[in-house]
PDB file of N, CA and C in Angstrom:
ATOM      1  N   MET A   1      41.560 152.071 176.679  1.00  0.00           N
ATOM      2  CA  MET A   1      42.620 152.214 175.711  1.00  0.00           C
ATOM      3  C   MET A   1      43.651 153.251 176.180  1.00  0.00           C
ATOM      4  N   GLU A   2      43.150 154.341 176.773  1.00  0.00           N
ATOM      5  CA  GLU A   2      44.070 155.375 177.242  1.00  0.00           C
ATOM      6  C   GLU A   2      45.005 154.830 178.321  1.00  0.00           C
ATOM      7  N   ARG A   3      44.486 153.963 179.165  1.00  0.00           N
ATOM      8  CA  ARG A   3      45.311 153.405 180.242  1.00  0.00           C
ATOM      9  C   ARG A   3      46.419 152.522 179.687  1.00  0.00           C
ATOM     10  N   ILE A   4      46.139 151.761 178.630  1.00  0.00           N
ATOM     11  CA  ILE A   4      47.151 150.915 178.010  1.00  0.00           C
ATOM     12  C   ILE A   4      48.257 151.779 177.421  1.00  0.00           C
ATOM     13  N   ILE A   5      47.884 152.863 176.771  1.00  0.00           N
ATOM     14  CA  ILE A   5      48.872 153.783 176.201  1.00  0.00           C
ATOM     15  C   ILE A   5      49.720 154.391 177.311  1.00  0.00           C
ATOM     16  N   ALA A   6      49.090 154.790 178.400  1.00  0.00           N
ATOM     17  CA  ALA A   6      49.827 155.389 179.514  1.00  0.00           C
ATOM     18  C   ALA A   6      50.790 154.383 180.134  1.00  0.00           C
ATOM     19  N   LEU A   7      50.351 153.136 180.301  1.00  0.00           N
ATOM     20  CA  LEU A   7      51.227 152.124 180.881  1.00  0.00           C
ATOM     21  C   LEU A   7      52.410 151.819 179.970  1.00  0.00           C
ATOM     22  N   ALA A   8      52.199 151.870 178.680  1.00  0.00           N
ATOM     23  CA  ALA A   8      53.301 151.625 177.740  1.00  0.00           C
ATOM     24  C   ALA A   8      54.275 152.797 177.711  1.00  0.00           C
ATOM     25  N   ALA A   9      53.795 154.002 177.943  1.00  0.00           N
ATOM     26  CA  ALA A   9      54.651 155.185 177.867  1.00  0.00           C
ATOM     27  C   ALA A   9      55.425 155.436 179.153  1.00  0.00           C
ATOM     28  N   GLU A  10      54.984 154.917 180.273  1.00  0.00           N
ATOM     29  CA  GLU A  10      55.659 155.183 181.545  1.00  0.00           C
ATOM     30  C   GLU A  10      57.118 154.740 181.575  1.00  0.00           C
ATOM     31  N   PRO A  11      57.457 153.515 181.152  1.00  0.00           N
ATOM     32  CA  PRO A  11      58.877 153.139 181.179  1.00  0.00           C
ATOM     33  C   PRO A  11      59.733 153.986 180.230  1.00  0.00           C
ATOM     34  N   ILE A  12      59.180 154.333 179.088  1.00  0.00           N
ATOM     35  CA  ILE A  12      59.911 155.174 178.134  1.00  0.00           C
ATOM     36  C   ILE A  12      60.162 156.550 178.740  1.00  0.00           C
ATOM     37  N   GLY A  13      59.148 157.106 179.368  1.00  0.00           N
ATOM     38  CA  GLY A  13      59.294 158.404 180.005  1.00  0.00           C
ATOM     39  C   GLY A  13      60.274 158.371 181.165  1.00  0.00           C
ATOM     40  N   ALA A  14      60.272 157.284 181.915  1.00  0.00           N
ATOM     41  CA  ALA A  14      61.201 157.164 183.035  1.00  0.00           C
ATOM     42  C   ALA A  14      62.639 157.075 182.546  1.00  0.00           C
ATOM     43  N   LEU A  15      62.864 156.315 181.481  1.00  0.00           N
ATOM     44  CA  LEU A  15      64.215 156.196 180.925  1.00  0.00           C
ATOM     45  C   LEU A  15      64.695 157.512 180.318  1.00  0.00           C
ATOM     46  N   ALA A  16      63.805 158.231 179.689  1.00  0.00           N
ATOM     47  CA  ALA A  16      64.181 159.507 179.073  1.00  0.00           C
ATOM     48  C   ALA A  16      64.286 160.617 180.113  1.00  0.00           C
ATOM     49  N   GLY A  17      63.571 160.495 181.201  1.00  0.00           N
ATOM     50  CA  GLY A  17      63.539 161.550 182.209  1.00  0.00           C
ATOM     51  C   GLY A  17      64.850 161.755 182.941  1.00  0.00           C
ATOM     52  N   GLY A  18      65.585 160.680 183.187  1.00  0.00           N
ATOM     53  CA  GLY A  18      66.852 160.793 183.900  1.00  0.00           C
ATOM     54  C   GLY A  18      67.874 161.644 183.163  1.00  0.00           C
ATOM     55  N   PRO A  19      68.216 161.291 181.924  1.00  0.00           N
ATOM     56  CA  PRO A  19      69.168 162.126 181.180  1.00  0.00           C
ATOM     57  C   PRO A  19      68.649 163.541 180.928  1.00  0.00           C
ATOM     58  N   PHE A  20      67.345 163.665 180.719  1.00  0.00           N
ATOM     59  CA  PHE A  20      66.761 164.991 180.486  1.00  0.00           C
ATOM     60  C   PHE A  20      66.915 165.866 181.725  1.00  0.00           C
ATOM     61  N   ALA A  21      66.688 165.276 182.906  1.00  0.00           N
ATOM     62  CA  ALA A  21      66.849 166.029 184.155  1.00  0.00           C
ATOM     63  C   ALA A  21      68.303 166.411 184.381  1.00  0.00           C
ATOM     64  N   ASP A  22      69.222 165.550 183.965  1.00  0.00           N
ATOM     65  CA  ASP A  22      70.642 165.896 184.084  1.00  0.00           C
ATOM     66  C   ASP A  22      71.000 167.082 183.202  1.00  0.00           C
ATOM     67  N   MET A  23      70.381 167.157 182.022  1.00  0.00           N
ATOM     68  CA  MET A  23      70.690 168.245 181.090  1.00  0.00           C
ATOM     69  C   MET A  23      70.145 169.590 181.561  1.00  0.00           C
ATOM     70  N   ILE A  24      68.896 169.606 182.031  1.00  0.00           N
ATOM     71  CA  ILE A  24      68.262 170.893 182.351  1.00  0.00           C
ATOM     72  C   ILE A  24      68.210 171.186 183.846  1.00  0.00           C
ATOM     73  N   GLY A  25      68.503 170.201 184.665  1.00  0.00           N
ATOM     74  CA  GLY A  25      68.450 170.396 186.113  1.00  0.00           C
ATOM     75  C   GLY A  25      67.188 169.778 186.693  1.00  0.00           C
ATOM     76  N   GLU A  26      67.322 169.287 187.905  1.00  0.00           N
ATOM     77  CA  GLU A  26      66.201 168.574 188.536  1.00  0.00           C
ATOM     78  C   GLU A  26      65.019 169.482 188.837  1.00  0.00           C
ATOM     79  N   ASP A  27      65.283 170.714 189.254  1.00  0.00           N
ATOM     80  CA  ASP A  27      64.181 171.622 189.600  1.00  0.00           C
ATOM     81  C   ASP A  27      63.294 171.907 188.396  1.00  0.00           C
ATOM     82  N   ILE A  28      63.902 172.244 187.281  1.00  0.00           N
ATOM     83  CA  ILE A  28      63.123 172.551 186.073  1.00  0.00           C
ATOM     84  C   ILE A  28      62.396 171.305 185.589  1.00  0.00           C
ATOM     85  N   ALA A  29      63.046 170.140 185.673  1.00  0.00           N
ATOM     86  CA  ALA A  29      62.403 168.895 185.250  1.00  0.00           C
ATOM     87  C   ALA A  29      61.163 168.603 186.092  1.00  0.00           C
ATOM     88  N   LEU A  30      61.235 168.870 187.391  1.00  0.00           N
ATOM     89  CA  LEU A  30      60.067 168.639 188.247  1.00  0.00           C
ATOM     90  C   LEU A  30      58.929 169.604 187.919  1.00  0.00           C
ATOM     91  N   TYR A  31      59.263 170.865 187.619  1.00  0.00           N
ATOM     92  CA  TYR A  31      58.221 171.812 187.209  1.00  0.00           C
ATOM     93  C   TYR A  31      57.580 171.386 185.894  1.00  0.00           C
ATOM     94  N   LEU A  32      58.392 170.925 184.962  1.00  0.00           N
ATOM     95  CA  LEU A  32      57.837 170.444 183.691  1.00  0.00           C
ATOM     96  C   LEU A  32      56.955 169.225 183.896  1.00  0.00           C
ATOM     97  N   CYS A  33      57.344 168.367 184.822  1.00  0.00           N
ATOM     98  CA  CYS A  33      56.530 167.194 185.141  1.00  0.00           C
ATOM     99  C   CYS A  33      55.171 167.609 185.703  1.00  0.00           C
ATOM    100  N   ALA A  34      55.171 168.587 186.592  1.00  0.00           N
ATOM    101  CA  ALA A  34      53.913 169.062 187.177  1.00  0.00           C
ATOM    102  C   ALA A  34      53.006 169.677 186.110  1.00  0.00           C
ATOM    103  N   VAL A  35      53.586 170.441 185.199  1.00  0.00           N
ATOM    104  CA  VAL A  35      52.798 171.024 184.106  1.00  0.00           C
ATOM    105  C   VAL A  35      52.247 169.928 183.206  1.00  0.00           C
ATOM    106  N   GLY A  36      53.057 168.920 182.917  1.00  0.00           N
ATOM    107  CA  GLY A  36      52.602 167.807 182.084  1.00  0.00           C
ATOM    108  C   GLY A  36      51.477 167.026 182.729  1.00  0.00           C
ATOM    109  N   LEU A  37      51.580 166.784 184.027  1.00  0.00           N
ATOM    110  CA  LEU A  37      50.501 166.072 184.718  1.00  0.00           C
ATOM    111  C   LEU A  37      49.202 166.872 184.715  1.00  0.00           C
ATOM    112  N   ALA A  38      49.306 168.176 184.918  1.00  0.00           N
ATOM    113  CA  ALA A  38      48.106 169.014 184.891  1.00  0.00           C
ATOM    114  C   ALA A  38      47.492 169.020 183.497  1.00  0.00           C
ATOM    115  N   ALA A  39      48.326 169.095 182.472  1.00  0.00           N
ATOM    116  CA  ALA A  39      47.816 169.110 181.102  1.00  0.00           C
ATOM    117  C   ALA A  39      47.203 167.769 180.718  1.00  0.00           C
ATOM    118  N   SER A  40      47.718 166.683 181.280  1.00  0.00           N
ATOM    119  CA  SER A  40      47.186 165.370 180.916  1.00  0.00           C
ATOM    120  C   SER A  40      45.797 165.132 181.488  1.00  0.00           C
ATOM    121  N   THR A  41      45.399 165.868 182.509  1.00  0.00           N
ATOM    122  CA  THR A  41      44.049 165.717 183.047  1.00  0.00           C
ATOM    123  C   THR A  41      43.084 166.769 182.516  1.00  0.00           C
ATOM    124  N   ALA A  42      43.595 167.778 181.850  1.00  0.00           N
ATOM    125  CA  ALA A  42      42.731 168.865 181.374  1.00  0.00           C
ATOM    126  C   ALA A  42      41.713 168.377 180.353  1.00  0.00           C
ATOM    127  N   TRP A  43      42.048 167.348 179.572  1.00  0.00           N
ATOM    128  CA  TRP A  43      41.122 166.856 178.558  1.00  0.00           C
ATOM    129  C   TRP A  43      39.839 166.322 179.185  1.00  0.00           C
ATOM    130  N   ALA A  44      39.914 165.860 180.423  1.00  0.00           N
ATOM    131  CA  ALA A  44      38.736 165.279 181.076  1.00  0.00           C
ATOM    132  C   ALA A  44      37.768 166.342 181.572  1.00  0.00           C
ATOM    133  N   LEU A  45      38.179 167.587 181.585  1.00  0.00           N
ATOM    134  CA  LEU A  45      37.336 168.629 182.146  1.00  0.00           C
ATOM    135  C   LEU A  45      36.564 169.428 181.102  1.00  0.00           C
ATOM    136  N   ASP A  46      36.655 169.045 179.833  1.00  0.00           N
ATOM    137  CA  ASP A  46      35.912 169.790 178.828  1.00  0.00           C
ATOM    138  C   ASP A  46      34.479 169.272 178.724  1.00  0.00           C
ATOM    139  N   GLU A  47      33.745 169.757 177.769  1.00  0.00           N
ATOM    140  CA  GLU A  47      32.323 169.407 177.661  1.00  0.00           C
ATOM    141  C   GLU A  47      32.090 167.960 177.223  1.00  0.00           C
ATOM    142  N   HIS A  48      33.113 167.283 176.717  1.00  0.00           N
ATOM    143  CA  HIS A  48      32.969 165.887 176.308  1.00  0.00           C
ATOM    144  C   HIS A  48      33.565 164.932 177.331  1.00  0.00           C
ATOM    145  N   GLY A  49      34.112 165.441 178.413  1.00  0.00           N
ATOM    146  CA  GLY A  49      34.749 164.614 179.428  1.00  0.00           C
ATOM    147  C   GLY A  49      33.855 164.395 180.622  1.00  0.00           C
ATOM    148  N   ILE A  50      34.434 164.525 181.797  1.00  0.00           N
ATOM    149  CA  ILE A  50      33.720 164.259 183.045  1.00  0.00           C
ATOM    150  C   ILE A  50      32.516 165.171 183.214  1.00  0.00           C
ATOM    151  N   LEU A  51      32.624 166.404 182.780  1.00  0.00           N
ATOM    152  CA  LEU A  51      31.533 167.348 182.982  1.00  0.00           C
ATOM    153  C   LEU A  51      30.296 167.030 182.133  1.00  0.00           C
ATOM    154  N   SER A  52      30.436 166.159 181.143  1.00  0.00           N
ATOM    155  CA  SER A  52      29.283 165.803 180.315  1.00  0.00           C
ATOM    156  C   SER A  52      28.521 164.606 180.888  1.00  0.00           C
ATOM    157  N   PHE A  53      28.959 164.066 182.011  1.00  0.00           N
ATOM    158  CA  PHE A  53      28.320 162.888 182.595  1.00  0.00           C
ATOM    159  C   PHE A  53      26.902 163.214 183.050  1.00  0.00           C
ATOM    160  N   ARG A  54      25.994 162.352 182.690  1.00  0.00           N
ATOM    161  CA  ARG A  54      24.608 162.471 183.137  1.00  0.00           C
ATOM    162  C   ARG A  54      24.190 161.132 183.755  1.00  0.00           C
ATOM    163  N   LYS A  55      23.416 161.206 184.810  1.00  0.00           N
ATOM    164  CA  LYS A  55      22.956 159.994 185.463  1.00  0.00           C
ATOM    165  C   LYS A  55      21.998 159.237 184.542  1.00  0.00           C
ATOM    166  N   PRO A  56      22.134 157.927 184.465  1.00  0.00           N
ATOM    167  CA  PRO A  56      21.180 157.139 183.693  1.00  0.00           C
ATOM    168  C   PRO A  56      19.788 157.230 184.303  1.00  0.00           C
ATOM    169  N   ASP A  57      18.788 157.024 183.488  1.00  0.00           N
ATOM    170  CA  ASP A  57      17.411 157.088 183.962  1.00  0.00           C
ATOM    171  C   ASP A  57      17.140 156.074 185.074  1.00  0.00           C
ATOM    172  N   GLU A  58      17.841 154.948 185.056  1.00  0.00           N
ATOM    173  CA  GLU A  58      17.625 153.927 186.072  1.00  0.00           C
ATOM    174  C   GLU A  58      18.062 154.400 187.459  1.00  0.00           C
ATOM    175  N   TRP A  59      18.899 155.401 187.541  1.00  0.00           N
ATOM    176  CA  TRP A  59      19.382 155.890 188.827  1.00  0.00           C
ATOM    177  C   TRP A  59      18.417 156.868 189.475  1.00  0.00           C
ATOM    178  N   GLN A  60      17.404 157.309 188.772  1.00  0.00           N
ATOM    179  CA  GLN A  60      16.452 158.264 189.313  1.00  0.00           C
ATOM    180  C   GLN A  60      15.562 157.578 190.347  1.00  0.00           C
ATOM    181  N   CYS A  61      15.305 158.261 191.437  1.00  0.00           N
ATOM    182  CA  CYS A  61      14.473 157.697 192.511  1.00  0.00           C
ATOM    183  C   CYS A  61      13.010 157.890 192.235  1.00  0.00           C
TER     184      CYS A  61
END
């Protein structure tokens, strides 16, 4: 479901990003993009995300 939302938001973000970068400058827009990308992956690193993964019993040797 998250991937569908991301795919739907990409064209909207691309269309909005051009005028926004013109208003604030390309350098600041790129820094904001980097911060946004880092924040978008932070949810996966909490105790309910990737770090909570446990191997199924069937994988035990």
